[in-house]
Amino acid sequence: MTAPANKAVDSAVRLVAFFEAAKGVLVLLVGTGVIALRHKGVYDVALSLIAHAHLNPASRYPHIFLDAASDLQNTRLLVLAGGAACYAALRFVEAFGLLFARSWAEMLAALSGAIYVPFEIMGLWEHRTLLHAGMLVANLAIVALMLYALVRKRRGLQSKA
């Protein structure tokens, strides 16, 4: 492969690293918001979100959301926040590894992207939208890129040996 093609692959891997870090930041912010809800009425916050979105609280989906909010307790909120922190930490570690071209990070990115593919196929099957199709294509592209980077690295290591 030529040097410009190698740079393109490396740039794409770095782009995935920044995307993973952004996902980690987003989930960390959501987790922090969940912890902040411990000290407020979760039901009241849910009700104000529904009002802000101009939704009818008596309709089906807002009502399901309100029921879930009324059932949340401090323990569940802490578990959700802890899960968000673990997920964010995984995304940050993955991003770090991808930025420094670590094979384990490329494998982690390929596996974590591949996990979502069946769910995205099911989502596309149920709701044929451009969003679902785009998410599936993007995830497949990330998985293919990471596998390609791994194969390229392995071949490079074998030729040096």
C-alpha atoms as a PDB file:
ATOM      1  CA  MET A   1       0.000   0.000   0.000  1.00  0.00           C
ATOM      2  CA  THR A   2       1.256   3.486  -0.752  1.00  0.00           C
ATOM      3  CA  ALA A   3       2.140   6.054   1.892  1.00  0.00           C
ATOM      4  CA  PRO A   4      -0.878   8.315   1.157  1.00  0.00           C
ATOM      5  CA  ALA A   5      -3.199   5.322   1.530  1.00  0.00           C
ATOM      6  CA  ASN A   6      -1.554   4.472   4.880  1.00  0.00           C
ATOM      7  CA  LYS A   7      -2.051   8.069   6.012  1.00  0.00           C
ATOM      8  CA  ALA A   8      -5.700   7.924   4.981  1.00  0.00           C
ATOM      9  CA  VAL A   9      -6.258   4.774   7.050  1.00  0.00           C
ATOM     10  CA  ASP A  10      -4.393   6.288  10.008  1.00  0.00           C
ATOM     11  CA  SER A  11      -6.469   9.462   9.729  1.00  0.00           C
ATOM     12  CA  ALA A  12      -9.683   7.442   9.616  1.00  0.00           C
ATOM     13  CA  VAL A  13      -8.623   5.486  12.732  1.00  0.00           C
ATOM     14  CA  ARG A  14      -7.886   8.787  14.523  1.00  0.00           C
ATOM     15  CA  LEU A  15     -11.318  10.058  13.488  1.00  0.00           C
ATOM     16  CA  VAL A  16     -12.894   6.959  15.037  1.00  0.00           C
ATOM     17  CA  ALA A  17     -10.833   7.624  18.184  1.00  0.00           C
ATOM     18  CA  PHE A  18     -12.271  11.130  18.488  1.00  0.00           C
ATOM     19  CA  PHE A  19     -15.768   9.782  17.849  1.00  0.00           C
ATOM     20  CA  GLU A  20     -15.334   7.207  20.642  1.00  0.00           C
ATOM     21  CA  ALA A  21     -14.029   9.907  22.993  1.00  0.00           C
ATOM     22  CA  ALA A  22     -17.036  12.087  22.127  1.00  0.00           C
ATOM     23  CA  LYS A  23     -19.372   9.195  22.952  1.00  0.00           C
ATOM     24  CA  GLY A  24     -17.576   8.830  26.283  1.00  0.00           C
ATOM     25  CA  VAL A  25     -17.983  12.531  27.067  1.00  0.00           C
ATOM     26  CA  LEU A  26     -21.685  12.436  26.136  1.00  0.00           C
ATOM     27  CA  VAL A  27     -22.372   9.399  28.315  1.00  0.00           C
ATOM     28  CA  LEU A  28     -20.369  10.928  31.170  1.00  0.00           C
ATOM     29  CA  LEU A  29     -22.466  14.088  30.958  1.00  0.00           C
ATOM     30  CA  VAL A  30     -25.664  12.039  30.964  1.00  0.00           C
ATOM     31  CA  GLY A  31     -24.401  10.021  33.945  1.00  0.00           C
ATOM     32  CA  THR A  32     -23.590  13.225  35.796  1.00  0.00           C
ATOM     33  CA  GLY A  33     -27.094  14.450  35.048  1.00  0.00           C
ATOM     34  CA  VAL A  34     -28.511  11.218  36.433  1.00  0.00           C
ATOM     35  CA  ILE A  35     -26.584  11.727  39.674  1.00  0.00           C
ATOM     36  CA  ALA A  36     -27.886  15.296  39.837  1.00  0.00           C
ATOM     37  CA  LEU A  37     -31.429  13.909  39.620  1.00  0.00           C
ATOM     38  CA  ARG A  38     -30.895  12.154  42.955  1.00  0.00           C
ATOM     39  CA  HIS A  39     -31.411  15.455  44.695  1.00  0.00           C
ATOM     40  CA  LYS A  40     -34.461  16.505  42.705  1.00  0.00           C
ATOM     41  CA  GLY A  41     -37.804  14.952  42.061  1.00  0.00           C
ATOM     42  CA  VAL A  42     -37.188  12.690  39.075  1.00  0.00           C
ATOM     43  CA  TYR A  43     -40.891  12.657  38.282  1.00  0.00           C
ATOM     44  CA  ASP A  44     -41.008  16.470  38.295  1.00  0.00           C
ATOM     45  CA  VAL A  45     -37.996  16.679  35.984  1.00  0.00           C
ATOM     46  CA  ALA A  46     -39.588  14.115  33.631  1.00  0.00           C
ATOM     47  CA  LEU A  47     -42.836  16.075  33.662  1.00  0.00           C
ATOM     48  CA  SER A  48     -41.033  19.321  32.836  1.00  0.00           C
ATOM     49  CA  LEU A  49     -39.162  17.609  29.968  1.00  0.00           C
ATOM     50  CA  ILE A  50     -42.462  16.398  28.544  1.00  0.00           C
ATOM     51  CA  ALA A  51     -43.956  19.883  28.895  1.00  0.00           C
ATOM     52  CA  HIS A  52     -40.869  21.417  27.266  1.00  0.00           C
ATOM     53  CA  ALA A  53     -41.263  19.047  24.310  1.00  0.00           C
ATOM     54  CA  HIS A  54     -44.957  20.028  24.061  1.00  0.00           C
ATOM     55  CA  LEU A  55     -46.091  16.440  24.517  1.00  0.00           C
ATOM     56  CA  ASN A  56     -49.324  15.278  26.109  1.00  0.00           C
ATOM     57  CA  PRO A  57     -48.431  13.533  29.411  1.00  0.00           C
ATOM     58  CA  ALA A  58     -51.506  11.325  29.073  1.00  0.00           C
ATOM     59  CA  SER A  59     -50.500   9.915  25.692  1.00  0.00           C
ATOM     60  CA  ARG A  60     -48.823   6.518  25.472  1.00  0.00           C
ATOM     61  CA  TYR A  61     -45.062   7.179  25.277  1.00  0.00           C
ATOM     62  CA  PRO A  62     -44.874  10.177  27.615  1.00  0.00           C
ATOM     63  CA  HIS A  63     -46.980   8.178  30.084  1.00  0.00           C
ATOM     64  CA  ILE A  64     -44.505   5.256  29.895  1.00  0.00           C
ATOM     65  CA  PHE A  65     -41.677   7.740  30.496  1.00  0.00           C
ATOM     66  CA  LEU A  66     -43.471   9.198  33.522  1.00  0.00           C
ATOM     67  CA  ASP A  67     -44.154   5.734  34.938  1.00  0.00           C
ATOM     68  CA  ALA A  68     -40.480   4.851  34.629  1.00  0.00           C
ATOM     69  CA  ALA A  69     -39.461   8.134  36.256  1.00  0.00           C
ATOM     70  CA  SER A  70     -41.805   7.595  39.190  1.00  0.00           C
ATOM     71  CA  ASP A  71     -40.336   4.114  39.756  1.00  0.00           C
ATOM     72  CA  LEU A  72     -36.691   5.228  39.869  1.00  0.00           C
ATOM     73  CA  GLN A  73     -35.098   5.202  43.284  1.00  0.00           C
ATOM     74  CA  ASN A  74     -31.738   6.527  44.423  1.00  0.00           C
ATOM     75  CA  THR A  75     -30.182   3.063  44.170  1.00  0.00           C
ATOM     76  CA  ARG A  76     -31.266   2.616  40.562  1.00  0.00           C
ATOM     77  CA  LEU A  77     -30.055   6.103  39.686  1.00  0.00           C
ATOM     78  CA  LEU A  78     -26.652   5.313  41.174  1.00  0.00           C
ATOM     79  CA  VAL A  79     -26.487   2.034  39.255  1.00  0.00           C
ATOM     80  CA  LEU A  80     -27.336   3.875  36.022  1.00  0.00           C
ATOM     81  CA  ALA A  81     -24.712   6.520  36.760  1.00  0.00           C
ATOM     82  CA  GLY A  82     -22.138   3.825  37.578  1.00  0.00           C
ATOM     83  CA  GLY A  83     -22.899   2.028  34.331  1.00  0.00           C
ATOM     84  CA  ALA A  84     -22.521   5.298  32.451  1.00  0.00           C
ATOM     85  CA  ALA A  85     -19.148   5.906  34.124  1.00  0.00           C
ATOM     86  CA  CYS A  86     -17.926   2.413  33.175  1.00  0.00           C
ATOM     87  CA  TYR A  87     -19.088   2.825  29.583  1.00  0.00           C
ATOM     88  CA  ALA A  88     -17.423   6.251  29.354  1.00  0.00           C
ATOM     89  CA  ALA A  89     -14.177   4.845  30.790  1.00  0.00           C
ATOM     90  CA  LEU A  90     -14.222   2.065  28.175  1.00  0.00           C
ATOM     91  CA  ARG A  91     -14.750   4.609  25.380  1.00  0.00           C
ATOM     92  CA  PHE A  92     -11.880   6.790  26.701  1.00  0.00           C
ATOM     93  CA  VAL A  93      -9.513   3.807  26.940  1.00  0.00           C
ATOM     94  CA  GLU A  94     -10.492   2.742  23.427  1.00  0.00           C
ATOM     95  CA  ALA A  95      -9.944   6.275  22.084  1.00  0.00           C
ATOM     96  CA  PHE A  96      -6.531   6.459  23.778  1.00  0.00           C
ATOM     97  CA  GLY A  97      -5.507   3.130  22.287  1.00  0.00           C
ATOM     98  CA  LEU A  98      -6.698   4.107  18.820  1.00  0.00           C
ATOM     99  CA  LEU A  99      -4.824   7.418  18.945  1.00  0.00           C
ATOM    100  CA  PHE A 100      -1.626   5.562  19.758  1.00  0.00           C
ATOM    101  CA  ALA A 101      -2.271   2.813  17.153  1.00  0.00           C
ATOM    102  CA  ARG A 102      -2.586  -0.055  19.611  1.00  0.00           C
ATOM    103  CA  SER A 103      -3.783  -3.340  18.136  1.00  0.00           C
ATOM    104  CA  TRP A 104      -5.883  -4.146  21.209  1.00  0.00           C
ATOM    105  CA  ALA A 105      -7.815  -0.891  20.702  1.00  0.00           C
ATOM    106  CA  GLU A 106      -8.458  -1.686  17.052  1.00  0.00           C
ATOM    107  CA  MET A 107      -9.744  -5.113  18.086  1.00  0.00           C
ATOM    108  CA  LEU A 108     -11.897  -3.547  20.813  1.00  0.00           C
ATOM    109  CA  ALA A 109     -13.320  -1.034  18.336  1.00  0.00           C
ATOM    110  CA  ALA A 110     -14.091  -3.782  15.817  1.00  0.00           C
ATOM    111  CA  LEU A 111     -15.791  -5.937  18.451  1.00  0.00           C
ATOM    112  CA  SER A 112     -17.742  -3.109  20.051  1.00  0.00           C
ATOM    113  CA  GLY A 113     -18.932  -1.966  16.627  1.00  0.00           C
ATOM    114  CA  ALA A 114     -19.851  -5.503  15.570  1.00  0.00           C
ATOM    115  CA  ILE A 115     -21.984  -5.995  18.691  1.00  0.00           C
ATOM    116  CA  TYR A 116     -24.418  -3.326  17.476  1.00  0.00           C
ATOM    117  CA  VAL A 117     -24.759  -4.593  13.892  1.00  0.00           C
ATOM    118  CA  PRO A 118     -27.519  -7.196  14.556  1.00  0.00           C
ATOM    119  CA  PHE A 119     -29.540  -4.632  16.509  1.00  0.00           C
ATOM    120  CA  GLU A 120     -29.131  -2.070  13.759  1.00  0.00           C
ATOM    121  CA  ILE A 121     -30.229  -4.617  11.160  1.00  0.00           C
ATOM    122  CA  MET A 122     -33.325  -5.332  13.247  1.00  0.00           C
ATOM    123  CA  GLY A 123     -33.927  -1.593  13.629  1.00  0.00           C
ATOM    124  CA  LEU A 124     -33.613  -1.088   9.892  1.00  0.00           C
ATOM    125  CA  TRP A 125     -35.925  -4.039   9.259  1.00  0.00           C
ATOM    126  CA  GLU A 126     -38.598  -2.539  11.531  1.00  0.00           C
ATOM    127  CA  HIS A 127     -38.111   1.127  10.572  1.00  0.00           C
ATOM    128  CA  ARG A 128     -36.771   1.638   7.090  1.00  0.00           C
ATOM    129  CA  THR A 129     -35.330   5.113   7.558  1.00  0.00           C
ATOM    130  CA  LEU A 130     -32.186   6.843   6.366  1.00  0.00           C
ATOM    131  CA  LEU A 131     -31.083   7.220   9.993  1.00  0.00           C
ATOM    132  CA  HIS A 132     -31.162   3.464  10.607  1.00  0.00           C
ATOM    133  CA  ALA A 133     -29.487   2.756   7.283  1.00  0.00           C
ATOM    134  CA  GLY A 134     -26.828   5.382   7.968  1.00  0.00           C
ATOM    135  CA  MET A 135     -26.084   3.993  11.427  1.00  0.00           C
ATOM    136  CA  LEU A 136     -25.726   0.483  10.012  1.00  0.00           C
ATOM    137  CA  VAL A 137     -23.438   1.623   7.198  1.00  0.00           C
ATOM    138  CA  ALA A 138     -21.317   3.742   9.557  1.00  0.00           C
ATOM    139  CA  ASN A 139     -20.918   0.893  12.025  1.00  0.00           C
ATOM    140  CA  LEU A 140     -20.037  -1.593   9.288  1.00  0.00           C
ATOM    141  CA  ALA A 141     -17.496   0.901   7.929  1.00  0.00           C
ATOM    142  CA  ILE A 142     -15.893   1.272  11.372  1.00  0.00           C
ATOM    143  CA  VAL A 143     -15.716  -2.504  11.828  1.00  0.00           C
ATOM    144  CA  ALA A 144     -14.207  -2.927   8.342  1.00  0.00           C
ATOM    145  CA  LEU A 145     -11.708  -0.115   8.946  1.00  0.00           C
ATOM    146  CA  MET A 146     -10.555  -1.583  12.247  1.00  0.00           C
ATOM    147  CA  LEU A 147     -10.191  -5.067  10.759  1.00  0.00           C
ATOM    148  CA  TYR A 148      -8.290  -3.620   7.816  1.00  0.00           C
ATOM    149  CA  ALA A 149      -5.964  -1.719  10.186  1.00  0.00           C
ATOM    150  CA  LEU A 150      -5.345  -4.918  12.142  1.00  0.00           C
ATOM    151  CA  VAL A 151      -4.596  -6.961   9.000  1.00  0.00           C
ATOM    152  CA  ARG A 152      -2.343  -4.214   7.656  1.00  0.00           C
ATOM    153  CA  LYS A 153      -0.459  -4.076  10.945  1.00  0.00           C
ATOM    154  CA  ARG A 154      -0.103  -7.870  11.114  1.00  0.00           C
ATOM    155  CA  ARG A 155       1.218  -8.056   7.549  1.00  0.00           C
ATOM    156  CA  GLY A 156       3.644  -5.250   8.319  1.00  0.00           C
ATOM    157  CA  LEU A 157       4.905  -7.074  11.390  1.00  0.00           C
ATOM    158  CA  GLN A 158       5.281 -10.352   9.482  1.00  0.00           C
ATOM    159  CA  SER A 159       7.251  -8.738   6.678  1.00  0.00           C
ATOM    160  CA  LYS A 160       9.676  -7.181   9.202  1.00  0.00           C
ATOM    161  CA  ALA A 161      10.305 -10.527  10.899  1.00  0.00           C
END
